[in-house]
Amino acid sequence: MGHSDDLCNIEGNGDGRSNNGASGVPSTSAAASSAYKLFGRETSFHQMMGGGKAADVILWRRRRVSFGIIVAATVAWIIFEYSELPFLSVSSDVLLILIVLLFLRANYAAFRKKQLPALPELVLSEEMVNNAAASFRVKINYMLLMAHDITLGKDFKLFFKVVIVLWLLSVIGSVISFFTLAYIGTIIFITVPALYNKFEDHVDRYAGKIHRQLSRHYKIVDESISRLPRSISKDKEL
């Protein structure tokens, strides 16, 4: 009877493996893979980017548009960086040529009695303006609160982060020009999210390891700093 029960337990899985081994490994791997998500998100990366057409372009779901952005950014960077033409003059010339071409095209179509394709009306609704103003107000208030905390010396970590960011921007600005920095930012913005979306599991796994190590070191430093005032006060009392 005991031998027959063992056979039933083995055959019940269908592939000759025990229930504990089959159920234990996937749950462990699933827990390890879902232990840490970059940016602390709980949704997919596409939804975090907005989930609309802009997210499709950033994640290369519309390859032609994404590639066109890279080509346009490269051409603009070459024009402004190597031709040494002023930005205002080039922008005005491009807009002037575009307006003249559109005007001549409309008059030529009217002369040939052809009907132009209908252009979409670009109208900002009151709801869009109110939402943008509300979002802008929240960000401005957050920046003012950060400046208030830094001025009063309440948050040392925030002060340290702001100093590091401003110092890095100063160093980068002294090495490369603004147009080169904007071009590099555009290329990074259109390529890095797509690469992350493709290798999401691998990046999250390594980022989780780095995050745990940094958290461990930060905890040690924070505990050592928190003990300093106590030791000083004890020495004064002695």
Protein backbone atom coordinates (compact mmCIF):
# COMPACT_ATOMS: atom_id res chain seq x y z
CA MET A 1 0.00 0.00 0.00
CA GLY A 2 2.77 2.41 0.86
CA HIS A 3 4.56 1.63 -2.39
CA SER A 4 1.40 2.20 -4.44
CA ASP A 5 0.79 5.54 -2.69
CA ASP A 6 4.30 6.64 -3.61
CA LEU A 7 3.66 5.74 -7.23
CA CYS A 8 0.43 7.73 -7.23
CA ASN A 9 2.21 10.74 -5.83
CA ILE A 10 4.88 10.54 -8.52
CA GLU A 11 2.42 10.04 -11.37
CA GLY A 12 0.09 12.78 -10.18
CA ASN A 13 2.44 15.51 -11.46
CA GLY A 14 2.45 14.23 -14.99
CA ASP A 15 6.17 14.85 -15.56
CA GLY A 16 7.59 12.62 -12.86
CA ARG A 17 8.53 15.47 -10.50
CA SER A 18 7.32 15.91 -6.95
CA ASN A 19 4.90 18.65 -5.93
CA ASN A 20 7.37 20.35 -3.61
CA GLY A 21 10.08 20.65 -6.21
CA ALA A 22 7.72 21.85 -8.92
CA SER A 23 6.04 24.50 -6.83
CA GLY A 24 9.04 25.68 -4.82
CA VAL A 25 11.39 26.75 -7.62
CA PRO A 26 9.01 29.01 -9.60
CA SER A 27 7.80 30.74 -6.45
CA THR A 28 11.39 31.45 -5.38
CA SER A 29 12.37 32.78 -8.79
CA ALA A 30 9.20 34.85 -9.03
CA ALA A 31 9.83 36.34 -5.60
CA ALA A 32 13.44 37.15 -6.57
CA SER A 33 12.43 38.73 -9.87
CA SER A 34 9.65 40.81 -8.34
CA ALA A 35 11.63 41.81 -5.23
CA TYR A 36 12.89 45.09 -6.71
CA LYS A 37 11.59 47.24 -9.53
CA LEU A 38 13.50 50.22 -10.82
CA PHE A 39 11.94 53.58 -9.91
CA GLY A 40 9.75 51.70 -7.37
CA ARG A 41 6.99 51.23 -9.93
CA GLU A 42 4.05 48.86 -9.54
CA THR A 43 2.85 48.99 -13.16
CA SER A 44 4.50 48.24 -16.49
CA PHE A 45 7.21 50.55 -17.79
CA HIS A 46 5.00 51.58 -20.72
CA GLN A 47 2.24 52.70 -18.34
CA MET A 48 4.77 54.53 -16.19
CA MET A 49 5.88 56.50 -19.27
CA GLY A 50 2.28 57.62 -19.84
CA GLY A 51 0.94 54.77 -21.93
CA GLY A 52 0.11 57.02 -24.91
CA LYS A 53 1.66 57.86 -28.25
CA ALA A 54 4.65 59.54 -26.64
CA ALA A 55 5.41 56.34 -24.73
CA ASP A 56 5.14 54.36 -27.96
CA VAL A 57 7.69 56.66 -29.60
CA ILE A 58 10.09 56.54 -26.63
CA LEU A 59 9.90 52.74 -26.43
CA TRP A 60 10.33 52.36 -30.22
CA ARG A 61 6.90 50.93 -30.86
CA ARG A 62 6.71 53.48 -33.66
CA ARG A 63 10.11 52.89 -35.17
CA ARG A 64 9.82 55.39 -38.01
CA VAL A 65 8.96 58.27 -35.70
CA SER A 66 11.67 57.32 -33.19
CA PHE A 67 14.28 57.02 -35.93
CA GLY A 68 13.10 60.32 -37.43
CA ILE A 69 13.65 62.07 -34.09
CA ILE A 70 17.22 60.78 -33.94
CA VAL A 71 17.91 61.89 -37.52
CA ALA A 72 16.37 65.34 -36.95
CA ALA A 73 18.30 65.81 -33.70
CA THR A 74 21.55 64.77 -35.39
CA VAL A 75 21.02 67.15 -38.31
CA ALA A 76 20.13 70.03 -35.98
CA TRP A 77 23.18 69.34 -33.83
CA ILE A 78 25.49 69.34 -36.86
CA ILE A 79 23.99 72.58 -38.15
CA PHE A 80 24.24 74.48 -34.87
CA GLU A 81 27.52 72.98 -33.64
CA TYR A 82 29.72 73.05 -36.72
CA SER A 83 28.23 75.83 -38.84
CA GLU A 84 28.39 78.25 -35.88
CA LEU A 85 25.17 79.87 -37.05
CA PRO A 86 23.13 81.73 -34.42
CA PHE A 87 20.14 79.79 -33.15
CA LEU A 88 17.67 82.67 -33.48
CA SER A 89 18.59 83.34 -37.12
CA VAL A 90 18.36 79.68 -38.15
CA SER A 91 15.03 79.21 -36.37
CA SER A 92 13.58 82.34 -37.97
CA ASP A 93 14.81 81.30 -41.44
CA VAL A 94 13.31 77.80 -41.09
CA LEU A 95 9.95 79.18 -39.95
CA LEU A 96 10.02 81.79 -42.73
CA ILE A 97 10.65 79.16 -45.42
CA LEU A 98 7.95 76.91 -43.99
CA ILE A 99 5.34 79.66 -43.88
CA VAL A 100 6.16 80.81 -47.44
CA LEU A 101 5.91 77.25 -48.79
CA LEU A 102 2.58 76.65 -47.09
CA PHE A 103 1.22 79.97 -48.34
CA LEU A 104 2.31 79.26 -51.94
CA ARG A 105 0.91 75.74 -51.72
CA ALA A 106 -2.49 77.00 -50.60
CA ASN A 107 -2.63 79.65 -53.36
CA TYR A 108 -1.46 77.16 -56.01
CA ALA A 109 -4.18 74.72 -54.96
CA ALA A 110 -6.79 77.52 -55.16
CA PHE A 111 -5.52 78.52 -58.63
CA ARG A 112 -5.74 74.91 -59.87
CA LYS A 113 -9.11 74.54 -58.13
CA LYS A 114 -7.87 71.69 -55.99
CA GLN A 115 -9.02 71.03 -52.48
CA LEU A 116 -6.33 70.81 -49.86
CA PRO A 117 -6.53 68.10 -47.20
CA ALA A 118 -8.19 69.31 -44.03
CA LEU A 119 -5.76 70.31 -41.32
CA PRO A 120 -6.52 69.43 -37.71
CA GLU A 121 -7.47 72.38 -35.54
CA LEU A 122 -5.00 72.88 -32.73
CA VAL A 123 -6.98 74.27 -29.83
CA LEU A 124 -6.00 74.28 -26.17
CA SER A 125 -8.99 73.42 -24.06
CA GLU A 126 -9.61 75.00 -20.68
CA GLU A 127 -9.22 71.61 -19.01
CA MET A 128 -5.76 71.09 -20.52
CA VAL A 129 -4.61 74.54 -19.40
CA ASN A 130 -5.98 74.02 -15.88
CA ASN A 131 -4.31 70.61 -15.56
CA ALA A 132 -0.98 71.99 -16.80
CA ALA A 133 -1.22 74.96 -14.43
CA ALA A 134 -2.06 72.70 -11.48
CA SER A 135 0.85 70.37 -12.25
CA PHE A 136 3.20 73.33 -12.67
CA ARG A 137 2.01 74.83 -9.38
CA VAL A 138 2.68 71.58 -7.51
CA LYS A 139 6.21 71.34 -8.90
CA ILE A 140 6.98 74.98 -8.12
CA ASN A 141 5.71 74.58 -4.55
CA TYR A 142 7.82 71.45 -4.14
CA MET A 143 10.92 73.29 -5.35
CA LEU A 144 10.18 76.19 -2.98
CA LEU A 145 9.79 73.75 -0.10
CA MET A 146 13.12 72.15 -0.98
CA ALA A 147 14.78 75.58 -1.06
CA HIS A 148 13.20 76.42 2.30
CA ASP A 149 14.51 73.22 3.91
CA ILE A 150 17.98 73.74 2.45
CA THR A 151 18.11 77.38 3.60
CA LEU A 152 17.19 76.44 7.17
CA GLY A 153 19.55 73.48 7.14
CA LYS A 154 16.83 70.94 7.97
CA ASP A 155 17.67 68.27 5.40
CA PHE A 156 21.37 67.50 4.96
CA LYS A 157 20.77 64.71 2.41
CA LEU A 158 18.74 67.03 0.19
CA PHE A 159 21.40 69.72 0.49
CA PHE A 160 24.09 67.21 -0.47
CA LYS A 161 22.12 66.00 -3.51
CA VAL A 162 21.46 69.53 -4.77
CA VAL A 163 25.13 70.50 -4.35
CA ILE A 164 26.29 67.40 -6.26
CA VAL A 165 23.81 67.98 -9.11
CA LEU A 166 24.69 71.66 -9.48
CA TRP A 167 28.41 70.88 -9.37
CA LEU A 168 28.03 68.21 -12.06
CA LEU A 169 26.03 70.61 -14.25
CA SER A 170 28.74 73.24 -13.82
CA VAL A 171 31.49 70.78 -14.80
CA ILE A 172 29.53 69.43 -17.78
CA GLY A 173 28.65 72.96 -18.94
CA SER A 174 32.31 73.96 -18.92
CA VAL A 175 33.26 70.98 -21.09
CA ILE A 176 30.52 70.80 -23.71
CA SER A 177 28.15 73.33 -25.22
CA PHE A 178 24.42 73.61 -24.60
CA PHE A 179 23.46 72.17 -28.00
CA THR A 180 25.72 69.16 -27.49
CA LEU A 181 24.22 68.60 -24.06
CA ALA A 182 20.69 68.87 -25.50
CA TYR A 183 21.61 66.46 -28.29
CA ILE A 184 23.08 63.91 -25.86
CA GLY A 185 19.99 64.23 -23.66
CA THR A 186 17.70 63.65 -26.65
CA ILE A 187 19.61 60.54 -27.75
CA ILE A 188 19.62 59.15 -24.21
CA PHE A 189 15.91 59.89 -23.80
CA ILE A 190 15.03 58.07 -27.03
CA THR A 191 17.31 55.04 -26.58
CA VAL A 192 17.87 54.22 -22.89
CA PRO A 193 14.17 53.65 -21.99
CA ALA A 194 13.79 51.31 -24.98
CA LEU A 195 16.88 49.34 -23.98
CA TYR A 196 15.64 49.13 -20.40
CA ASN A 197 12.23 47.94 -21.57
CA LYS A 198 13.94 45.18 -23.58
CA PHE A 199 16.26 43.99 -20.80
CA GLU A 200 13.98 44.89 -17.90
CA ASP A 201 14.41 41.70 -15.85
CA HIS A 202 18.21 41.72 -16.00
CA VAL A 203 18.47 45.43 -15.15
CA ASP A 204 16.04 45.11 -12.23
CA ARG A 205 17.96 42.16 -10.83
CA TYR A 206 21.34 43.94 -10.88
CA ALA A 207 19.78 47.23 -9.75
CA GLY A 208 18.24 45.40 -6.81
CA LYS A 209 21.64 44.06 -5.77
CA ILE A 210 23.21 47.52 -6.01
CA HIS A 211 20.29 49.07 -4.13
CA ARG A 212 20.61 46.57 -1.27
CA GLN A 213 24.36 47.20 -0.99
CA LEU A 214 23.93 50.98 -1.02
CA SER A 215 21.14 50.76 1.55
CA ARG A 216 23.37 48.65 3.80
CA HIS A 217 26.26 51.12 3.56
CA TYR A 218 23.94 54.10 4.04
CA LYS A 219 22.47 52.48 7.16
CA ILE A 220 25.95 52.01 8.60
CA VAL A 221 26.92 55.64 7.88
CA ASP A 222 23.61 56.95 9.22
CA GLU A 223 23.98 54.98 12.46
CA SER A 224 27.56 56.17 12.93
CA ILE A 225 26.54 59.81 12.37
CA SER A 226 23.59 59.51 14.74
CA ARG A 227 25.91 58.32 17.49
CA LEU A 228 28.26 61.32 17.24
CA PRO A 229 26.21 63.88 19.25
CA ARG A 230 25.65 61.34 22.04
CA SER A 231 29.36 60.63 22.42
CA ILE A 232 30.20 64.32 22.43
CA SER A 233 27.59 65.06 25.08
CA LYS A 234 28.91 62.22 27.26
CA ASP A 235 32.44 63.61 27.00
CA LYS A 236 31.22 67.04 28.06
CA GLU A 237 29.45 65.60 31.08
CA LEU A 238 32.61 63.78 32.14
